[in-house]
Amino acid sequence: MSIAIKIDLNDRLYLRDPQQTELGQKIIKHGILLMDELGFESFNFKKLAKAIQSTEASIYRYFENKHLLLIYLVNWYWEWVSYLIDIHTKNIEDARKRLKIIIDTFVYASKENPTVEYVNESVLHKLVIAEGTKTYHTKLVDAENKDGFFGNYKRLVEKVAEVIRECNSKFEYPLSLSSSLFEMANNHIYFAQHLPRLTDVRIVGENFDEVEKMLENFAFGVLDR
């Protein structure tokens, strides 16, 4: 499915909007690929500059540091998932059906690529799974939260929580369930691939159906109690 979209992100994440220039798009494209290949700890702007045949100084004109680049990329993914939820649940009145679609989107969002040539959604999904929590599990989280760095994630969680409330208006923890479903989707894909004794699901190739089934059991299990 090919979809043309414009991703709007907090302008405090960058010094210059990378989506607006060819060099900026290269930074996004190769930042995703290289961070996935090397891991966040081993990734740096010197290596990125070499990959895009540019200079470190040119990259610093767009992002102050690699942490902000990671937050930018993860925000891009949060906004992409939110957009998919909007288009897939449009005109569907049944809340339970919408929640099932949301769970499927959490698990399989990377399979639907927008017409943004410089973003490989499949690799970005891998990056979010492996490195996503490093955006907010830091000492800077409170200051960065005040700057609105996690607004895209909050809006995504609230969007899903509203559907959860429609499924069961008496359920006390809609925000908790919403964020847990998103994090569980990523965590259990990661566990199945790297730490299989931490999960009951099994993954063969790019088939995440067991993760989707587990999330549905978890969500409707607590909502229907």
Protein backbone atom coordinates (compact mmCIF):
# COMPACT_ATOMS: atom_id res chain seq x y z
CA MET A 1 0.00 0.00 0.00
CA SER A 2 1.58 3.29 -1.11
CA ILE A 3 0.49 6.41 0.70
CA ALA A 4 1.77 9.97 0.28
CA ILE A 5 1.94 11.80 3.60
CA LYS A 6 3.65 14.72 5.27
CA ILE A 7 5.06 14.01 8.71
CA ASP A 8 5.01 17.06 11.00
CA LEU A 9 7.33 16.88 13.99
CA ASN A 10 8.36 19.16 16.86
CA ASP A 11 10.70 21.77 15.41
CA ARG A 12 12.76 21.74 18.61
CA LEU A 13 14.07 18.33 17.61
CA TYR A 14 16.16 19.79 14.82
CA LEU A 15 18.06 22.93 13.88
CA ARG A 16 16.99 22.74 10.25
CA ASP A 17 14.11 20.66 8.91
CA PRO A 18 15.79 17.65 7.27
CA GLN A 19 12.72 16.86 5.17
CA GLN A 20 13.18 20.09 3.22
CA THR A 21 16.60 19.45 1.64
CA GLU A 22 18.34 16.67 -0.24
CA LEU A 23 21.12 16.52 2.35
CA GLY A 24 18.61 16.40 5.19
CA GLN A 25 16.80 13.52 3.54
CA LYS A 26 20.10 11.68 3.19
CA ILE A 27 20.72 12.21 6.91
CA ILE A 28 17.33 10.66 7.71
CA LYS A 29 17.72 7.77 5.25
CA HIS A 30 21.23 6.76 6.19
CA GLY A 31 20.75 7.63 9.85
CA ILE A 32 18.07 4.94 10.00
CA LEU A 33 20.14 2.39 8.10
CA LEU A 34 23.40 3.02 9.94
CA MET A 35 21.89 3.24 13.42
CA ASP A 36 20.14 -0.07 12.76
CA GLU A 37 23.34 -1.65 11.48
CA LEU A 38 25.68 -0.40 14.22
CA GLY A 39 23.37 0.13 17.18
CA PHE A 40 22.85 3.49 18.87
CA GLU A 41 25.95 3.28 21.07
CA SER A 42 28.35 2.67 18.16
CA PHE A 43 26.64 5.10 15.82
CA ASN A 44 28.06 8.62 15.49
CA PHE A 45 27.96 11.57 13.11
CA LYS A 46 31.48 10.89 11.83
CA LYS A 47 30.35 7.50 10.51
CA LEU A 48 27.13 8.99 9.17
CA ALA A 49 29.05 11.73 7.36
CA LYS A 50 31.19 9.10 5.66
CA ALA A 51 28.08 7.14 4.63
CA ILE A 52 26.47 10.17 2.98
CA GLN A 53 29.81 11.52 1.64
CA SER A 54 29.49 14.76 3.55
CA THR A 55 30.98 16.32 6.68
CA GLU A 56 30.17 16.10 10.37
CA ALA A 57 29.70 19.86 10.40
CA SER A 58 26.95 19.62 7.81
CA ILE A 59 25.06 17.08 9.93
CA TYR A 60 25.38 19.28 13.01
CA ARG A 61 23.57 22.00 11.07
CA TYR A 62 20.49 19.76 11.23
CA PHE A 63 20.79 17.98 14.59
CA GLU A 64 22.63 18.97 17.76
CA ASN A 65 23.51 15.35 18.60
CA LYS A 66 22.71 11.74 17.82
CA HIS A 67 20.23 11.48 20.71
CA LEU A 68 18.02 14.13 19.11
CA LEU A 69 18.32 12.38 15.77
CA LEU A 70 17.09 9.16 17.41
CA ILE A 71 14.16 11.00 19.02
CA TYR A 72 13.33 12.54 15.64
CA LEU A 73 13.29 9.12 13.93
CA VAL A 74 11.19 7.48 16.65
CA ASN A 75 8.76 10.43 16.55
CA TRP A 76 8.47 9.90 12.81
CA TYR A 77 7.43 6.30 13.47
CA TRP A 78 4.91 7.26 16.18
CA GLU A 79 3.29 9.73 13.82
CA TRP A 80 3.24 7.20 10.98
CA VAL A 81 1.47 4.62 13.19
CA SER A 82 -1.05 7.26 14.28
CA TYR A 83 -1.75 8.14 10.65
CA LEU A 84 -2.30 4.49 9.74
CA ILE A 85 -4.76 4.09 12.61
CA ASP A 86 -6.72 7.07 11.31
CA ILE A 87 -7.05 5.77 7.76
CA HIS A 88 -7.71 2.14 8.70
CA THR A 89 -10.38 2.86 11.33
CA LYS A 90 -12.17 5.61 9.42
CA ASN A 91 -15.94 4.99 9.11
CA ILE A 92 -15.76 1.88 11.34
CA GLU A 93 -18.27 2.33 14.14
CA ASP A 94 -17.63 -0.83 16.15
CA ALA A 95 -15.03 0.01 18.82
CA ARG A 96 -13.87 -3.58 19.29
CA LYS A 97 -13.19 -3.91 15.59
CA ARG A 98 -11.27 -0.63 15.67
CA LEU A 99 -9.17 -1.88 18.58
CA LYS A 100 -8.33 -5.06 16.67
CA ILE A 101 -7.25 -2.93 13.72
CA ILE A 102 -5.13 -0.80 16.04
CA ILE A 103 -3.39 -3.89 17.42
CA ASP A 104 -2.73 -5.12 13.90
CA THR A 105 -1.30 -1.68 13.07
CA PHE A 106 0.99 -1.76 16.09
CA VAL A 107 2.38 -5.09 14.94
CA TYR A 108 2.46 -4.62 11.17
CA ALA A 109 2.82 -0.87 10.55
CA SER A 110 6.22 -1.43 8.92
CA LYS A 111 4.60 -3.43 6.11
CA GLU A 112 2.84 -0.38 4.71
CA ASN A 113 5.35 2.02 3.21
CA PRO A 114 4.48 5.63 2.42
CA THR A 115 5.84 7.29 -0.68
CA VAL A 116 8.73 8.78 1.25
CA GLU A 117 11.78 7.47 -0.53
CA TYR A 118 14.21 8.42 2.21
CA VAL A 119 12.43 6.44 4.96
CA ASN A 120 12.67 2.64 4.99
CA GLU A 121 9.74 1.79 7.27
CA SER A 122 10.80 -1.81 7.78
CA VAL A 123 14.26 -0.83 9.02
CA LEU A 124 12.84 2.05 11.05
CA HIS A 125 10.50 -0.42 12.76
CA LYS A 126 13.52 -2.58 13.68
CA LEU A 127 15.23 0.51 15.03
CA VAL A 128 12.21 1.47 17.14
CA ILE A 129 12.03 -2.06 18.55
CA ALA A 130 15.74 -2.15 19.44
CA GLU A 131 16.41 1.46 20.44
CA GLY A 132 13.04 3.21 20.91
CA THR A 133 12.98 3.24 24.71
CA LYS A 134 16.34 5.05 24.73
CA THR A 135 14.49 8.17 23.63
CA TYR A 136 12.88 8.57 27.06
CA HIS A 137 14.78 6.26 29.43
CA THR A 138 17.34 9.00 30.04
CA LYS A 139 18.24 11.58 32.66
CA LEU A 140 17.01 14.29 30.29
CA VAL A 141 13.48 12.96 29.96
CA ASP A 142 11.79 15.57 32.17
CA ALA A 143 13.39 18.52 30.40
CA GLU A 144 12.74 17.00 26.99
CA ASN A 145 9.16 16.28 27.97
CA LYS A 146 8.69 19.98 28.81
CA ASP A 147 9.96 20.76 25.32
CA GLY A 148 7.25 18.53 23.88
CA PHE A 149 9.56 15.87 22.46
CA PHE A 150 7.10 13.07 23.26
CA GLY A 151 3.92 14.79 22.16
CA ASN A 152 3.49 12.48 19.16
CA TYR A 153 3.62 9.43 21.42
CA LYS A 154 1.19 10.96 23.92
CA ARG A 155 -1.31 11.75 21.19
CA LEU A 156 -0.99 8.23 19.80
CA VAL A 157 -1.58 6.71 23.24
CA GLU A 158 -4.57 8.98 23.91
CA LYS A 159 -6.06 8.12 20.52
CA VAL A 160 -5.95 4.41 21.34
CA ALA A 161 -7.13 5.01 24.92
CA GLU A 162 -10.27 6.68 23.58
CA VAL A 163 -11.12 3.53 21.63
CA ILE A 164 -10.47 1.46 24.73
CA ARG A 165 -12.91 3.65 26.67
CA GLU A 166 -15.51 3.01 23.98
CA CYS A 167 -14.99 -0.73 24.38
CA ASN A 168 -15.47 -0.53 28.15
CA SER A 169 -16.36 2.82 29.68
CA LYS A 170 -15.80 1.43 33.18
CA PHE A 171 -12.23 0.25 32.54
CA GLU A 172 -9.97 2.20 34.89
CA TYR A 173 -6.68 2.13 33.01
CA PRO A 174 -7.16 3.06 29.34
CA LEU A 175 -3.92 5.02 28.99
CA SER A 176 -1.94 2.27 30.70
CA LEU A 177 -3.43 -0.37 28.44
CA SER A 178 -2.85 1.76 25.36
CA SER A 179 0.85 2.37 26.01
CA SER A 180 1.32 -1.23 27.18
CA LEU A 181 -0.07 -2.61 23.92
CA PHE A 182 2.34 -0.51 21.87
CA GLU A 183 5.34 -1.37 24.04
CA MET A 184 4.38 -5.06 24.21
CA ALA A 185 4.17 -5.26 20.43
CA ASN A 186 7.75 -4.03 20.15
CA ASN A 187 9.14 -5.83 23.20
CA HIS A 188 7.81 -9.26 22.35
CA ILE A 189 8.96 -9.08 18.75
CA TYR A 190 12.40 -8.24 20.16
CA PHE A 191 12.23 -10.97 22.81
CA ALA A 192 11.16 -13.60 20.28
CA GLN A 193 14.04 -12.67 18.01
CA HIS A 194 16.77 -12.27 20.63
CA LEU A 195 15.64 -13.41 24.12
CA PRO A 196 13.09 -16.16 23.44
CA ARG A 197 12.90 -17.37 27.04
CA LEU A 198 11.25 -14.05 27.95
CA THR A 199 8.17 -14.60 25.79
CA ASP A 200 5.71 -17.30 24.80
CA VAL A 201 5.37 -16.11 21.20
CA ARG A 202 7.41 -17.45 18.32
CA ILE A 203 8.27 -15.56 15.16
CA VAL A 204 9.13 -17.10 11.81
CA GLY A 205 10.64 -14.59 9.43
CA GLU A 206 8.44 -11.50 9.21
CA ASN A 207 5.29 -13.24 10.43
CA PHE A 208 4.21 -11.53 13.67
CA ASP A 209 0.77 -13.14 13.90
CA GLU A 210 1.48 -14.72 17.30
CA VAL A 211 2.34 -11.31 18.72
CA GLU A 212 -0.93 -9.93 17.37
CA LYS A 213 -2.89 -12.84 18.86
CA MET A 214 -1.21 -12.36 22.24
CA LEU A 215 -2.04 -8.64 22.28
CA GLU A 216 -5.68 -9.30 21.43
CA ASN A 217 -5.91 -11.90 24.21
CA PHE A 218 -4.34 -9.46 26.64
CA ALA A 219 -6.46 -6.45 25.62
CA PHE A 220 -9.86 -8.11 25.46
CA GLY A 221 -9.07 -10.32 28.42
CA VAL A 222 -8.82 -7.31 30.73
CA LEU A 223 -11.59 -5.33 29.01
CA ASP A 224 -14.11 -8.17 29.21
CA ARG A 225 -13.52 -9.07 32.85
